[in-house]
Every structure is written in C-alpha cells, then in structure tokens.
C-alpha cells in the first residue's frame, strides 16, 4: 500500500485512460474502506475513531463510494451530494468547488464593497466571504446593506463586487440611507449586449395605465404581476404576436423560434425599476 500512496495524487500522475482511472479510484476505495473497517472494529482503540482525519476520511468515503451487493463502487455524478455539501479537499472541509465563466477553483468567494468618491480615498466598507459554490444571486440573502448604510456618512457612493446586488437595495439605498449605489447593475440579456438590440430600458412604461410602449410605438396587451424563480416581485409584460410579427425591427428584439413571435419583457416594481435604470445609466 505504501507504494500506491507514497506520492501525492496529482492530475499529471494519473493515466489518461478513463478505464484506468476508474480502476485506480476503485482500488483507492477498497484500501480506504479496509482502513476504516479496521479502525471501527470493536477491538480497535476507541481514540482512533476520534481523530479528525479519520472522521474526514469516513465522510469522504461515504460521499464518493457505495457498496452494492458486496461490491464497492465509485458513485456516479448523479449520486453525489450537491455542490454546497460536497467535500472537495481533505485539508479544508468547508472549501467548495466554484466556477465563474472560464475560471474554476476549490475554496471560497469574496465579495467586496468599496466607496468610490471622486474627491475622497476609496475605502473597503464591507467584506463578505462565502463558499465558492454559493451563487452571486444567492448573495441577496447575505444582507450587509442596512448596517453598512447606517455606519456610512450621508451621500456616499458605493461600489460592490457582487455580480447581482440585492434588488430591493437599488430603491431603498439612496432615499432611506443617503447612499448612491454605483454598481454593478448590468443587464445580461442579449438585447442589452448586442449592437442595435432593443433592451428593456428602451420601452416606455406607463405605470398608471399598466402598459408598455416599445420603440416602434406598439402598446403591450398584457401586464401580469408575478414572483420570479428567486422570489422577487416582477411584472411580466407581453406584446401582440400580430404587432411583433410585422415589425421591421423584429431581428433586434426577438430570437424566438416560434412561428408566432412576440416580445415579452420582465421588469421590477416601479421604485426598483426606476432606481435600477438610473444606476445603469451612471455606469
């Protein structure tokens, strides 16, 4: 066994063949299982089971291996715990796998909030460290804003590295706390990131009449308050398939494969929508 584990296991030391890698994983599984069986045997000294490294080994083996009809098997991806619970490193039980576009890592994610006044030093006002598996959208649950704003001087500009700030803060930050949020506030929809695209900011919203008017002067036909997948209040606005179907700017507005195409926009309630649009114009 010493010859198998004398060196740290690294990607460069593993065979290229998936079949050979599977065989190594199963061999490691059998060796680790035998070690656990020996340490948890009734005649084994009890203190062995209290060693933190042994407890981690047990958790990792339960996570990655399963006994089926007397045979130890490496768990498939569909049988593994979710990323927020998966132990990625025996050296740090809290480190998680993270992915941000093309960057992948095991560890943590840090969100910084910085003041960005033109005529004053830029200060890091708040730091939040979370597991790498926690999405930027989920950061709205980690709400430092009220306490941060109460501790800040009036009329302070704040920039946060959170990819998506808690949406209610766009509307309450400035009037309630005297703080102006600079960003980020980007619109990720393709219309906002394509030359000539017709994004939601180009629609006139008539809040009293509960309708939207597009750049081609067509009026919406449906206005529906709803709750989105992240539990946020939104308004879904639909336009007529007839109007959209004959619009000369359809290519800049819709990418639907349906025969009858229509534009739908989703916006926030009035206070949040207007504050968010104002924040995007400041960028």
C-alpha atoms as a PDB file:
ATOM      1  CA  UNK A   1       0.000   0.000   0.000  1.00  0.00           C
ATOM      2  CA  UNK A   2       2.920   2.336   0.691  1.00  0.00           C
ATOM      3  CA  UNK A   3       3.943   2.185  -2.962  1.00  0.00           C
ATOM      4  CA  UNK A   4       0.489   3.347  -4.017  1.00  0.00           C
ATOM      5  CA  UNK A   5       0.336   6.308  -1.643  1.00  0.00           C
ATOM      6  CA  UNK A   6       3.958   7.355  -1.323  1.00  0.00           C
ATOM      7  CA  UNK A   7       3.365  10.292  -3.637  1.00  0.00           C
ATOM      8  CA  UNK A   8       0.692  12.984  -3.554  1.00  0.00           C
ATOM      9  CA  UNK A   9      -2.015  12.135  -6.109  1.00  0.00           C
ATOM     10  CA  UNK A  10      -1.961  14.739  -8.873  1.00  0.00           C
ATOM     11  CA  UNK A  11      -3.521  15.010 -12.302  1.00  0.00           C
ATOM     12  CA  UNK A  12      -0.150  14.620 -14.013  1.00  0.00           C
ATOM     13  CA  UNK A  13       0.447  11.274 -12.259  1.00  0.00           C
ATOM     14  CA  UNK A  14      -2.876   9.746 -13.330  1.00  0.00           C
ATOM     15  CA  UNK A  15      -3.288   7.654 -16.512  1.00  0.00           C
ATOM     16  CA  UNK A  16      -5.103   9.204 -19.474  1.00  0.00           C
ATOM     17  CA  UNK A  17      -7.493   6.316 -19.980  1.00  0.00           C
ATOM     18  CA  UNK A  18     -10.823   6.755 -18.195  1.00  0.00           C
ATOM     19  CA  UNK A  19     -10.963   2.998 -17.637  1.00  0.00           C
ATOM     20  CA  UNK A  20      -7.554   3.009 -15.930  1.00  0.00           C
ATOM     21  CA  UNK A  21      -8.562   5.995 -13.800  1.00  0.00           C
ATOM     22  CA  UNK A  22     -11.724   4.176 -12.754  1.00  0.00           C
ATOM     23  CA  UNK A  23      -9.653   1.157 -11.718  1.00  0.00           C
ATOM     24  CA  UNK A  24      -7.394   3.364  -9.583  1.00  0.00           C
ATOM     25  CA  UNK A  25     -10.411   5.046  -7.954  1.00  0.00           C
ATOM     26  CA  UNK A  26     -11.886   1.657  -7.075  1.00  0.00           C
ATOM     27  CA  UNK A  27      -8.569   0.420  -5.683  1.00  0.00           C
ATOM     28  CA  UNK A  28      -8.278   3.537  -3.529  1.00  0.00           C
ATOM     29  CA  UNK A  29     -11.838   2.948  -2.392  1.00  0.00           C
ATOM     30  CA  UNK A  30     -11.099  -0.612  -1.319  1.00  0.00           C
ATOM     31  CA  UNK A  31      -7.946   0.424   0.538  1.00  0.00           C
ATOM     32  CA  UNK A  32      -9.720   3.249   2.358  1.00  0.00           C
ATOM     33  CA  UNK A  33     -12.688   1.068   3.230  1.00  0.00           C
ATOM     34  CA  UNK A  34     -10.433  -1.603   4.711  1.00  0.00           C
ATOM     35  CA  UNK A  35      -8.659   1.054   6.766  1.00  0.00           C
ATOM     36  CA  UNK A  36     -11.999   2.312   8.100  1.00  0.00           C
ATOM     37  CA  UNK A  37     -13.178  -1.219   8.846  1.00  0.00           C
ATOM     38  CA  UNK A  38     -10.025  -1.848  10.876  1.00  0.00           C
ATOM     39  CA  UNK A  39     -10.301   1.414  12.822  1.00  0.00           C
ATOM     40  CA  UNK A  40     -14.010   0.967  13.569  1.00  0.00           C
ATOM     41  CA  UNK A  41     -13.635  -2.666  14.611  1.00  0.00           C
ATOM     42  CA  UNK A  42     -14.710  -3.367  18.235  1.00  0.00           C
ATOM     43  CA  UNK A  43     -11.184  -4.390  19.227  1.00  0.00           C
ATOM     44  CA  UNK A  44      -9.601  -1.213  17.792  1.00  0.00           C
ATOM     45  CA  UNK A  45      -8.661   1.559  20.259  1.00  0.00           C
ATOM     46  CA  UNK A  46     -11.577   3.973  20.590  1.00  0.00           C
ATOM     47  CA  UNK A  47      -9.393   7.064  20.250  1.00  0.00           C
ATOM     48  CA  UNK A  48      -8.705   6.195  16.590  1.00  0.00           C
ATOM     49  CA  UNK A  49     -12.301   6.991  15.694  1.00  0.00           C
ATOM     50  CA  UNK A  50     -11.985  10.428  17.320  1.00  0.00           C
ATOM     51  CA  UNK A  51      -9.049  11.534  15.164  1.00  0.00           C
ATOM     52  CA  UNK A  52     -10.323  14.377  12.884  1.00  0.00           C
ATOM     53  CA  UNK A  53      -8.503  12.956   9.841  1.00  0.00           C
ATOM     54  CA  UNK A  54     -10.278   9.621  10.335  1.00  0.00           C
ATOM     55  CA  UNK A  55     -13.655  11.322  10.604  1.00  0.00           C
ATOM     56  CA  UNK A  56     -12.973  13.248   7.386  1.00  0.00           C
ATOM     57  CA  UNK A  57     -11.876  10.028   5.669  1.00  0.00           C
ATOM     58  CA  UNK A  58     -15.160   8.391   6.694  1.00  0.00           C
ATOM     59  CA  UNK A  59     -17.233  11.315   5.373  1.00  0.00           C
ATOM     60  CA  UNK A  60     -15.335  11.442   2.078  1.00  0.00           C
ATOM     61  CA  UNK A  61     -15.707   7.670   1.573  1.00  0.00           C
ATOM     62  CA  UNK A  62     -19.463   7.814   2.217  1.00  0.00           C
ATOM     63  CA  UNK A  63     -19.626  10.738  -0.194  1.00  0.00           C
ATOM     64  CA  UNK A  64     -17.712   9.059  -3.029  1.00  0.00           C
ATOM     65  CA  UNK A  65     -18.294   5.304  -2.659  1.00  0.00           C
ATOM     66  CA  UNK A  66     -21.202   2.945  -2.208  1.00  0.00           C
ATOM     67  CA  UNK A  67     -21.456  -0.801  -1.526  1.00  0.00           C
ATOM     68  CA  UNK A  68     -23.747  -2.621  -3.975  1.00  0.00           C
ATOM     69  CA  UNK A  69     -24.243  -6.362  -3.482  1.00  0.00           C
ATOM     70  CA  UNK A  70     -20.905  -6.703  -1.733  1.00  0.00           C
ATOM     71  CA  UNK A  71     -19.001  -4.701  -4.345  1.00  0.00           C
ATOM     72  CA  UNK A  72     -17.556  -1.239  -3.674  1.00  0.00           C
ATOM     73  CA  UNK A  73     -18.369   1.185  -6.493  1.00  0.00           C
ATOM     74  CA  UNK A  74     -17.386   4.757  -7.249  1.00  0.00           C
ATOM     75  CA  UNK A  75     -20.514   6.917  -7.135  1.00  0.00           C
ATOM     76  CA  UNK A  76     -21.723   8.427 -10.394  1.00  0.00           C
ATOM     77  CA  UNK A  77     -22.203  12.186 -10.711  1.00  0.00           C
ATOM     78  CA  UNK A  78     -25.957  11.829 -10.297  1.00  0.00           C
ATOM     79  CA  UNK A  79     -25.466  10.113  -6.924  1.00  0.00           C
ATOM     80  CA  UNK A  80     -23.130  12.702  -5.390  1.00  0.00           C
ATOM     81  CA  UNK A  81     -24.180  15.322  -2.823  1.00  0.00           C
ATOM     82  CA  UNK A  82     -24.933  18.854  -4.076  1.00  0.00           C
ATOM     83  CA  UNK A  83     -22.029  21.248  -4.524  1.00  0.00           C
ATOM     84  CA  UNK A  84     -22.817  23.175  -1.339  1.00  0.00           C
ATOM     85  CA  UNK A  85     -22.239  19.991   0.708  1.00  0.00           C
ATOM     86  CA  UNK A  86     -19.563  18.223  -1.329  1.00  0.00           C
ATOM     87  CA  UNK A  87     -16.153  17.961   0.390  1.00  0.00           C
ATOM     88  CA  UNK A  88     -13.551  18.835  -2.234  1.00  0.00           C
ATOM     89  CA  UNK A  89     -10.428  18.845  -0.095  1.00  0.00           C
ATOM     90  CA  UNK A  90      -9.464  16.773   2.948  1.00  0.00           C
ATOM     91  CA  UNK A  91      -7.396  19.744   4.136  1.00  0.00           C
ATOM     92  CA  UNK A  92     -10.383  22.113   4.381  1.00  0.00           C
ATOM     93  CA  UNK A  93     -13.843  20.652   4.887  1.00  0.00           C
ATOM     94  CA  UNK A  94     -15.539  23.985   4.113  1.00  0.00           C
ATOM     95  CA  UNK A  95     -13.803  24.596   0.766  1.00  0.00           C
ATOM     96  CA  UNK A  96     -16.157  24.155  -2.178  1.00  0.00           C
ATOM     97  CA  UNK A  97     -15.837  23.911  -5.943  1.00  0.00           C
ATOM     98  CA  UNK A  98     -16.519  27.171  -7.759  1.00  0.00           C
ATOM     99  CA  UNK A  99     -16.888  28.189 -11.389  1.00  0.00           C
ATOM    100  CA  UNK A 100     -17.043  31.701 -12.821  1.00  0.00           C
ATOM    101  CA  UNK A 101     -17.223  31.641 -16.596  1.00  0.00           C
ATOM    102  CA  UNK A 102     -13.895  30.005 -17.595  1.00  0.00           C
ATOM    103  CA  UNK A 103     -12.326  30.085 -14.120  1.00  0.00           C
ATOM    104  CA  UNK A 104     -12.605  27.051 -11.838  1.00  0.00           C
ATOM    105  CA  UNK A 105     -11.278  26.692  -8.307  1.00  0.00           C
ATOM    106  CA  UNK A 106     -11.722  24.979  -4.937  1.00  0.00           C
ATOM    107  CA  UNK A 107     -12.068  27.309  -1.985  1.00  0.00           C
ATOM    108  CA  UNK A 108     -14.077  30.435  -1.313  1.00  0.00           C
ATOM    109  CA  UNK A 109     -15.531  33.540  -2.911  1.00  0.00           C
ATOM    110  CA  UNK A 110     -15.000  37.049  -1.553  1.00  0.00           C
ATOM    111  CA  UNK A 111     -17.373  39.974  -2.200  1.00  0.00           C
ATOM    112  CA  UNK A 112     -16.009  43.472  -1.592  1.00  0.00           C
ATOM    113  CA  UNK A 113     -17.945  46.699  -1.164  1.00  0.00           C
ATOM    114  CA  UNK A 114     -15.958  49.879  -1.749  1.00  0.00           C
ATOM    115  CA  UNK A 115     -16.677  53.594  -1.514  1.00  0.00           C
ATOM    116  CA  UNK A 116     -15.784  55.359  -4.776  1.00  0.00           C
ATOM    117  CA  UNK A 117     -15.986  59.109  -4.224  1.00  0.00           C
ATOM    118  CA  UNK A 118     -14.076  61.215  -6.757  1.00  0.00           C
ATOM    119  CA  UNK A 119     -12.733  63.571  -4.091  1.00  0.00           C
ATOM    120  CA  UNK A 120     -12.019  61.133  -1.243  1.00  0.00           C
ATOM    121  CA  UNK A 121      -9.967  57.982  -0.611  1.00  0.00           C
ATOM    122  CA  UNK A 122     -11.601  54.763  -1.725  1.00  0.00           C
ATOM    123  CA  UNK A 123     -12.292  52.554   1.286  1.00  0.00           C
ATOM    124  CA  UNK A 124     -13.275  48.898   1.555  1.00  0.00           C
ATOM    125  CA  UNK A 125     -16.506  49.257   3.511  1.00  0.00           C
ATOM    126  CA  UNK A 126     -17.576  45.623   3.737  1.00  0.00           C
ATOM    127  CA  UNK A 127     -16.146  42.152   3.041  1.00  0.00           C
ATOM    128  CA  UNK A 128     -18.221  39.002   2.790  1.00  0.00           C
ATOM    129  CA  UNK A 129     -16.549  35.597   2.415  1.00  0.00           C
ATOM    130  CA  UNK A 130     -18.703  32.648   1.382  1.00  0.00           C
ATOM    131  CA  UNK A 131     -18.186  29.170  -0.009  1.00  0.00           C
ATOM    132  CA  UNK A 132     -17.309  29.115  -3.703  1.00  0.00           C
ATOM    133  CA  UNK A 133     -20.451  27.124  -4.505  1.00  0.00           C
ATOM    134  CA  UNK A 134     -22.774  29.940  -3.398  1.00  0.00           C
ATOM    135  CA  UNK A 135     -24.030  31.808  -6.457  1.00  0.00           C
ATOM    136  CA  UNK A 136     -23.854  35.574  -6.785  1.00  0.00           C
ATOM    137  CA  UNK A 137     -27.645  35.684  -6.983  1.00  0.00           C
ATOM    138  CA  UNK A 138     -27.907  33.925  -3.629  1.00  0.00           C
ATOM    139  CA  UNK A 139     -25.857  36.707  -2.058  1.00  0.00           C
ATOM    140  CA  UNK A 140     -29.066  38.717  -1.645  1.00  0.00           C
ATOM    141  CA  UNK A 141     -29.627  36.561   1.445  1.00  0.00           C
ATOM    142  CA  UNK A 142     -26.394  37.895   2.955  1.00  0.00           C
ATOM    143  CA  UNK A 143     -27.664  41.389   3.559  1.00  0.00           C
ATOM    144  CA  UNK A 144     -24.968  43.778   4.862  1.00  0.00           C
ATOM    145  CA  UNK A 145     -26.644  46.801   3.358  1.00  0.00           C
ATOM    146  CA  UNK A 146     -28.751  48.226   6.206  1.00  0.00           C
ATOM    147  CA  UNK A 147     -25.927  48.027   8.769  1.00  0.00           C
ATOM    148  CA  UNK A 148     -23.400  49.218   6.197  1.00  0.00           C
ATOM    149  CA  UNK A 149     -25.541  52.193   5.284  1.00  0.00           C
ATOM    150  CA  UNK A 150     -26.191  53.165   8.896  1.00  0.00           C
ATOM    151  CA  UNK A 151     -22.416  53.200   9.505  1.00  0.00           C
ATOM    152  CA  UNK A 152     -21.659  55.258   6.397  1.00  0.00           C
ATOM    153  CA  UNK A 153     -21.710  59.018   6.095  1.00  0.00           C
ATOM    154  CA  UNK A 154     -24.553  60.616   4.088  1.00  0.00           C
ATOM    155  CA  UNK A 155     -24.158  60.910   0.306  1.00  0.00           C
ATOM    156  CA  UNK A 156     -21.544  58.170  -0.055  1.00  0.00           C
ATOM    157  CA  UNK A 157     -21.130  56.345  -3.365  1.00  0.00           C
ATOM    158  CA  UNK A 158     -20.744  52.576  -3.020  1.00  0.00           C
ATOM    159  CA  UNK A 159     -19.476  50.002  -5.483  1.00  0.00           C
ATOM    160  CA  UNK A 160     -19.924  46.301  -4.769  1.00  0.00           C
ATOM    161  CA  UNK A 161     -18.229  43.351  -6.471  1.00  0.00           C
ATOM    162  CA  UNK A 162     -21.409  41.309  -6.088  1.00  0.00           C
ATOM    163  CA  UNK A 163     -22.424  40.433  -9.636  1.00  0.00           C
ATOM    164  CA  UNK A 164     -26.060  40.966  -8.717  1.00  0.00           C
ATOM    165  CA  UNK A 165     -26.851  43.245  -5.820  1.00  0.00           C
ATOM    166  CA  UNK A 166     -29.947  42.637  -3.668  1.00  0.00           C
ATOM    167  CA  UNK A 167     -32.564  44.251  -5.888  1.00  0.00           C
ATOM    168  CA  UNK A 168     -34.557  45.994  -3.137  1.00  0.00           C
ATOM    169  CA  UNK A 169     -31.418  47.968  -2.271  1.00  0.00           C
ATOM    170  CA  UNK A 170     -31.469  49.772  -5.602  1.00  0.00           C
ATOM    171  CA  UNK A 171     -34.646  51.531  -4.484  1.00  0.00           C
ATOM    172  CA  UNK A 172     -34.071  51.901  -0.718  1.00  0.00           C
ATOM    173  CA  UNK A 173     -30.339  52.703  -0.707  1.00  0.00           C
ATOM    174  CA  UNK A 174     -30.495  56.332  -1.717  1.00  0.00           C
ATOM    175  CA  UNK A 175     -33.736  57.668  -0.191  1.00  0.00           C
ATOM    176  CA  UNK A 176     -33.531  55.728   3.050  1.00  0.00           C
ATOM    177  CA  UNK A 177     -29.797  55.881   3.758  1.00  0.00           C
ATOM    178  CA  UNK A 178     -28.463  58.744   1.639  1.00  0.00           C
ATOM    179  CA  UNK A 179     -26.215  56.358  -0.292  1.00  0.00           C
ATOM    180  CA  UNK A 180     -25.824  56.078  -4.042  1.00  0.00           C
ATOM    181  CA  UNK A 181     -25.068  52.609  -5.389  1.00  0.00           C
ATOM    182  CA  UNK A 182     -22.763  52.761  -8.418  1.00  0.00           C
ATOM    183  CA  UNK A 183     -22.800  49.121  -9.452  1.00  0.00           C
ATOM    184  CA  UNK A 184     -22.689  46.562 -10.757  1.00  0.00           C
ATOM    185  CA  UNK A 185     -26.106  46.804 -12.396  1.00  0.00           C
ATOM    186  CA  UNK A 186     -25.549  45.263 -15.796  1.00  0.00           C
ATOM    187  CA  UNK A 187     -28.325  43.832 -17.928  1.00  0.00           C
ATOM    188  CA  UNK A 188     -27.262  40.340 -19.029  1.00  0.00           C
ATOM    189  CA  UNK A 189     -29.967  39.826 -21.674  1.00  0.00           C
ATOM    190  CA  UNK A 190     -28.743  39.532 -25.248  1.00  0.00           C
ATOM    191  CA  UNK A 191     -30.639  42.647 -26.415  1.00  0.00           C
ATOM    192  CA  UNK A 192     -28.613  44.782 -23.995  1.00  0.00           C
ATOM    193  CA  UNK A 193     -25.323  43.294 -25.180  1.00  0.00           C
ATOM    194  CA  UNK A 194     -25.887  43.343 -28.950  1.00  0.00           C
ATOM    195  CA  UNK A 195     -25.375  46.363 -31.171  1.00  0.00           C
ATOM    196  CA  UNK A 196     -28.803  47.652 -32.151  1.00  0.00           C
ATOM    197  CA  UNK A 197     -30.585  45.365 -29.686  1.00  0.00           C
ATOM    198  CA  UNK A 198     -33.813  46.622 -28.141  1.00  0.00           C
ATOM    199  CA  UNK A 199     -33.403  46.105 -24.395  1.00  0.00           C
ATOM    200  CA  UNK A 200     -35.975  46.785 -21.673  1.00  0.00           C
ATOM    201  CA  UNK A 201     -34.635  50.297 -20.985  1.00  0.00           C
ATOM    202  CA  UNK A 202     -35.927  51.423 -24.408  1.00  0.00           C
ATOM    203  CA  UNK A 203     -39.552  50.685 -23.520  1.00  0.00           C
ATOM    204  CA  UNK A 204     -41.699  53.474 -22.105  1.00  0.00           C
ATOM    205  CA  UNK A 205     -43.527  52.219 -19.012  1.00  0.00           C
ATOM    206  CA  UNK A 206     -46.891  53.785 -18.186  1.00  0.00           C
ATOM    207  CA  UNK A 207     -47.324  52.754 -14.557  1.00  0.00           C
ATOM    208  CA  UNK A 208     -50.795  54.247 -14.196  1.00  0.00           C
ATOM    209  CA  UNK A 209     -52.195  52.567 -17.278  1.00  0.00           C
ATOM    210  CA  UNK A 210     -50.173  49.397 -16.635  1.00  0.00           C
ATOM    211  CA  UNK A 211     -48.785  49.103 -20.127  1.00  0.00           C
ATOM    212  CA  UNK A 212     -45.503  49.429 -22.014  1.00  0.00           C
ATOM    213  CA  UNK A 213     -44.785  51.091 -25.343  1.00  0.00           C
ATOM    214  CA  UNK A 214     -41.947  49.750 -27.485  1.00  0.00           C
ATOM    215  CA  UNK A 215     -39.617  51.862 -29.682  1.00  0.00           C
ATOM    216  CA  UNK A 216     -41.894  51.072 -32.657  1.00  0.00           C
ATOM    217  CA  UNK A 217     -44.773  52.701 -30.718  1.00  0.00           C
ATOM    218  CA  UNK A 218     -46.668  49.455 -30.230  1.00  0.00           C
ATOM    219  CA  UNK A 219     -48.551  49.003 -26.944  1.00  0.00           C
ATOM    220  CA  UNK A 220     -48.407  45.914 -24.757  1.00  0.00           C
ATOM    221  CA  UNK A 221     -51.508  43.750 -24.413  1.00  0.00           C
ATOM    222  CA  UNK A 222     -50.803  42.042 -21.090  1.00  0.00           C
ATOM    223  CA  UNK A 223     -49.452  43.202 -17.689  1.00  0.00           C
ATOM    224  CA  UNK A 224     -49.066  40.447 -15.076  1.00  0.00           C
ATOM    225  CA  UNK A 225     -47.519  40.810 -11.585  1.00  0.00           C
ATOM    226  CA  UNK A 226     -45.602  37.668 -10.666  1.00  0.00           C
ATOM    227  CA  UNK A 227     -42.882  36.150  -8.466  1.00  0.00           C
ATOM    228  CA  UNK A 228     -39.737  35.005 -10.273  1.00  0.00           C
ATOM    229  CA  UNK A 229     -37.551  31.967  -9.539  1.00  0.00           C
ATOM    230  CA  UNK A 230     -35.547  33.949  -6.969  1.00  0.00           C
ATOM    231  CA  UNK A 231     -38.673  35.010  -5.039  1.00  0.00           C
ATOM    232  CA  UNK A 232     -38.528  38.587  -6.365  1.00  0.00           C
ATOM    233  CA  UNK A 233     -41.605  40.605  -7.266  1.00  0.00           C
ATOM    234  CA  UNK A 234     -41.670  41.239 -11.013  1.00  0.00           C
ATOM    235  CA  UNK A 235     -44.067  42.361 -13.737  1.00  0.00           C
ATOM    236  CA  UNK A 236     -44.302  40.359 -16.967  1.00  0.00           C
ATOM    237  CA  UNK A 237     -45.353  42.431 -19.976  1.00  0.00           C
ATOM    238  CA  UNK A 238     -46.379  40.876 -23.289  1.00  0.00           C
ATOM    239  CA  UNK A 239     -46.889  42.367 -26.737  1.00  0.00           C
ATOM    240  CA  UNK A 240     -49.134  41.230 -29.567  1.00  0.00           C
ATOM    241  CA  UNK A 241     -47.901  38.497 -31.903  1.00  0.00           C
ATOM    242  CA  UNK A 242     -49.532  40.428 -34.747  1.00  0.00           C
ATOM    243  CA  UNK A 243     -47.652  43.635 -33.970  1.00  0.00           C
ATOM    244  CA  UNK A 244     -44.363  41.843 -33.381  1.00  0.00           C
ATOM    245  CA  UNK A 245     -44.772  39.646 -36.453  1.00  0.00           C
ATOM    246  CA  UNK A 246     -44.869  42.587 -38.855  1.00  0.00           C
ATOM    247  CA  UNK A 247     -42.307  44.772 -37.064  1.00  0.00           C
ATOM    248  CA  UNK A 248     -39.285  45.684 -39.269  1.00  0.00           C
ATOM    249  CA  UNK A 249     -37.020  45.627 -36.168  1.00  0.00           C
ATOM    250  CA  UNK A 250     -38.006  42.135 -35.051  1.00  0.00           C
ATOM    251  CA  UNK A 251     -34.448  40.827 -35.526  1.00  0.00           C
ATOM    252  CA  UNK A 252     -33.210  43.320 -32.920  1.00  0.00           C
ATOM    253  CA  UNK A 253     -35.908  42.351 -30.447  1.00  0.00           C
ATOM    254  CA  UNK A 254     -36.833  38.655 -30.640  1.00  0.00           C
ATOM    255  CA  UNK A 255     -34.919  35.417 -31.154  1.00  0.00           C
ATOM    256  CA  UNK A 256     -37.804  33.018 -30.674  1.00  0.00           C
ATOM    257  CA  UNK A 257     -38.035  30.008 -32.990  1.00  0.00           C
ATOM    258  CA  UNK A 258     -41.824  30.019 -32.761  1.00  0.00           C
ATOM    259  CA  UNK A 259     -43.842  30.819 -35.859  1.00  0.00           C
ATOM    260  CA  UNK A 260     -45.855  33.443 -33.972  1.00  0.00           C
ATOM    261  CA  UNK A 261     -43.292  35.643 -32.260  1.00  0.00           C
ATOM    262  CA  UNK A 262     -43.956  38.148 -29.521  1.00  0.00           C
ATOM    263  CA  UNK A 263     -41.764  40.296 -27.256  1.00  0.00           C
ATOM    264  CA  UNK A 264     -42.023  39.811 -23.515  1.00  0.00           C
ATOM    265  CA  UNK A 265     -40.170  41.953 -21.001  1.00  0.00           C
ATOM    266  CA  UNK A 266     -39.872  41.370 -17.271  1.00  0.00           C
ATOM    267  CA  UNK A 267     -39.375  44.390 -15.052  1.00  0.00           C
ATOM    268  CA  UNK A 268     -39.319  45.220 -11.338  1.00  0.00           C
ATOM    269  CA  UNK A 269     -41.980  47.196  -9.480  1.00  0.00           C
ATOM    270  CA  UNK A 270     -41.794  50.916 -10.216  1.00  0.00           C
ATOM    271  CA  UNK A 271     -39.414  52.107  -7.463  1.00  0.00           C
ATOM    272  CA  UNK A 272     -36.934  49.285  -8.077  1.00  0.00           C
ATOM    273  CA  UNK A 273     -37.173  49.525 -11.866  1.00  0.00           C
ATOM    274  CA  UNK A 274     -36.527  53.260 -11.963  1.00  0.00           C
ATOM    275  CA  UNK A 275     -33.649  53.070  -9.469  1.00  0.00           C
ATOM    276  CA  UNK A 276     -32.058  50.183 -11.387  1.00  0.00           C
ATOM    277  CA  UNK A 277     -32.308  52.022 -14.713  1.00  0.00           C
ATOM    278  CA  UNK A 278     -30.771  55.109 -13.115  1.00  0.00           C
ATOM    279  CA  UNK A 279     -27.904  53.018 -11.735  1.00  0.00           C
ATOM    280  CA  UNK A 280     -27.246  51.522 -15.185  1.00  0.00           C
ATOM    281  CA  UNK A 281     -27.130  54.973 -16.753  1.00  0.00           C
ATOM    282  CA  UNK A 282     -24.451  56.008 -14.245  1.00  0.00           C
ATOM    283  CA  UNK A 283     -22.087  53.201 -15.279  1.00  0.00           C
END
